[in-house]
Amino acid sequence: MPGIDECLLEAMRLPGARGAALVDWTSGLALGTVGESPGGDHEVAAVEAAEFARLAAEQHAFAPDDDPEAGPAADADPPVEDLIVSNRDSYHVLRFVGASFDGSVFLHLWLARAEGNLALARIRLAEMAERLVLA
């Protein structure tokens, strides 16, 4: 199972990857970063991405339609799997990491729009999030 550094380096091998980070969305702390940073500052980018992630994760409108008879979900996964923000030259993909991290961290991939493949990035980030271990 890859640790933070290995996971982020794997994300940077995706076509069009400009930068990647593992961020705690409750505090805005970057647990690891690699490559470029949107705006030029990894810490500021982590705080801003965490605000966006927290906003989406805490809203009931984005929660899955669970069966009310089944009761609460057995795991601590956030209700959102991933978030995608696009602008004229790039994509930002935020992939939440599951219950193994208390559901409080996400992978942030900054992807150049011209070279990147958004579908591939989503698939690979999901795979990375499942294998990630804190090391």
Protein backbone atom coordinates (compact mmCIF):
# COMPACT_ATOMS: atom_id res chain seq x y z
CA MET A 1 0.00 0.00 0.00
CA PRO A 2 1.49 3.33 -1.00
CA GLY A 3 2.09 6.12 1.47
CA ILE A 4 1.45 9.81 0.89
CA ASP A 5 4.60 10.55 -1.12
CA GLU A 6 4.21 7.50 -3.37
CA CYS A 7 0.56 8.29 -3.96
CA LEU A 8 1.26 11.91 -4.91
CA LEU A 9 4.09 10.88 -7.25
CA GLU A 10 1.73 8.38 -8.88
CA ALA A 11 -0.81 11.18 -9.38
CA MET A 12 1.88 13.29 -11.07
CA ARG A 13 2.39 10.55 -13.67
CA LEU A 14 -1.12 11.18 -15.01
CA PRO A 15 -1.15 13.00 -18.36
CA GLY A 16 -1.40 16.76 -17.82
CA ALA A 17 -0.77 16.66 -14.05
CA ARG A 18 0.56 20.02 -12.83
CA GLY A 19 0.40 19.45 -9.08
CA ALA A 20 -1.09 17.22 -6.41
CA ALA A 21 -1.72 17.39 -2.69
CA LEU A 22 -3.23 15.40 0.15
CA VAL A 23 -5.25 17.79 2.30
CA ASP A 24 -7.13 17.50 5.59
CA TRP A 25 -10.45 19.19 4.82
CA THR A 26 -11.29 19.88 8.46
CA SER A 27 -8.15 21.94 9.10
CA GLY A 28 -6.94 22.94 5.63
CA LEU A 29 -3.52 21.43 6.34
CA ALA A 30 -1.60 19.99 3.39
CA LEU A 31 -0.27 16.60 4.51
CA GLY A 32 1.84 16.34 1.37
CA THR A 33 2.35 18.23 -1.89
CA VAL A 34 4.19 17.71 -5.16
CA GLY A 35 4.58 19.71 -8.37
CA GLU A 36 3.20 23.17 -8.98
CA SER A 37 0.53 24.82 -6.88
CA PRO A 38 -2.46 26.80 -8.14
CA GLY A 39 -1.69 30.40 -7.28
CA GLY A 40 1.92 29.54 -6.45
CA ASP A 41 1.48 28.65 -2.77
CA HIS A 42 0.74 25.08 -1.67
CA GLU A 43 -0.51 26.06 1.79
CA VAL A 44 -2.94 28.71 0.51
CA ALA A 45 -4.21 26.33 -2.18
CA ALA A 46 -4.76 23.63 0.47
CA VAL A 47 -6.79 25.97 2.69
CA GLU A 48 -8.92 27.18 -0.22
CA ALA A 49 -9.53 23.65 -1.55
CA ALA A 50 -10.40 22.48 1.98
CA GLU A 51 -13.05 25.19 2.30
CA PHE A 52 -14.62 24.03 -0.96
CA ALA A 53 -14.44 20.36 0.06
CA ARG A 54 -15.89 21.05 3.50
CA LEU A 55 -18.75 23.04 2.02
CA ALA A 56 -19.72 20.19 -0.30
CA ALA A 57 -19.15 17.37 2.21
CA GLU A 58 -21.28 18.92 4.94
CA GLN A 59 -24.33 19.67 2.80
CA HIS A 60 -27.22 17.22 2.97
CA ALA A 61 -28.21 18.09 -0.61
CA PHE A 62 -25.12 16.21 -1.83
CA ALA A 63 -25.62 13.14 0.37
CA PRO A 64 -26.61 9.87 -1.30
CA ASP A 65 -30.22 8.78 -1.07
CA ASP A 66 -29.78 6.05 1.56
CA ASP A 67 -32.57 3.77 2.59
CA PRO A 68 -34.05 5.35 5.76
CA GLU A 69 -35.02 1.88 7.00
CA ALA A 70 -31.38 0.76 6.93
CA GLY A 71 -30.23 3.43 9.38
CA PRO A 72 -26.97 5.40 9.19
CA ALA A 73 -24.14 4.18 7.02
CA ALA A 74 -21.75 1.80 8.72
CA ASP A 75 -18.65 3.70 7.65
CA ALA A 76 -17.41 7.24 8.12
CA ASP A 77 -17.02 8.01 4.42
CA PRO A 78 -17.97 11.55 3.41
CA PRO A 79 -21.17 11.73 1.37
CA VAL A 80 -19.29 13.11 -1.65
CA GLU A 81 -16.86 10.98 -3.68
CA ASP A 82 -15.19 13.71 -5.69
CA LEU A 83 -15.52 17.32 -6.81
CA ILE A 84 -14.47 18.75 -10.15
CA VAL A 85 -13.86 22.42 -10.85
CA SER A 86 -13.00 23.42 -14.40
CA ASN A 87 -11.74 26.70 -15.76
CA ARG A 88 -10.51 27.69 -19.21
CA ASP A 89 -7.09 26.02 -18.87
CA SER A 90 -7.30 23.38 -16.12
CA TYR A 91 -9.29 20.99 -13.98
CA HIS A 92 -9.14 20.61 -10.22
CA VAL A 93 -10.19 17.15 -9.08
CA LEU A 94 -10.76 16.62 -5.36
CA ARG A 95 -11.15 12.95 -4.42
CA PHE A 96 -12.22 12.18 -0.86
CA VAL A 97 -10.32 9.38 0.89
CA GLY A 98 -12.53 6.98 2.83
CA ALA A 99 -13.02 5.89 6.39
CA SER A 100 -9.46 4.64 6.87
CA PHE A 101 -8.58 8.31 7.42
CA ASP A 102 -11.65 9.20 9.45
CA GLY A 103 -13.11 10.56 6.19
CA SER A 104 -11.33 13.88 6.66
CA VAL A 105 -8.77 14.00 3.84
CA PHE A 106 -8.88 14.34 0.07
CA LEU A 107 -6.52 14.15 -2.86
CA HIS A 108 -6.32 17.34 -4.92
CA LEU A 109 -5.07 16.96 -8.49
CA TRP A 110 -4.44 20.04 -10.63
CA LEU A 111 -4.67 18.96 -14.25
CA ALA A 112 -3.85 20.93 -17.42
CA ARG A 113 -6.96 20.87 -19.57
CA ALA A 114 -5.15 20.55 -22.93
CA GLU A 115 -3.06 17.51 -21.94
CA GLY A 116 -5.18 15.94 -19.22
CA ASN A 117 -7.81 13.26 -19.37
CA LEU A 118 -10.49 13.98 -16.79
CA ALA A 119 -12.10 10.53 -16.94
CA LEU A 120 -8.76 8.77 -16.50
CA ALA A 121 -7.81 11.11 -13.63
CA ARG A 122 -11.04 10.34 -11.77
CA ILE A 123 -10.55 6.59 -12.17
CA ARG A 124 -6.90 6.68 -11.07
CA LEU A 125 -7.56 8.99 -8.10
CA ALA A 126 -10.30 6.64 -6.89
CA GLU A 127 -7.87 3.72 -7.08
CA MET A 128 -5.17 5.70 -5.26
CA ALA A 129 -7.58 6.78 -2.53
CA GLU A 130 -8.48 3.15 -1.82
CA ARG A 131 -4.84 2.06 -1.54
CA LEU A 132 -3.47 5.06 0.35
CA VAL A 133 -2.01 4.60 3.82
CA LEU A 134 -0.59 7.28 6.08
CA ALA A 135 3.15 6.82 6.29
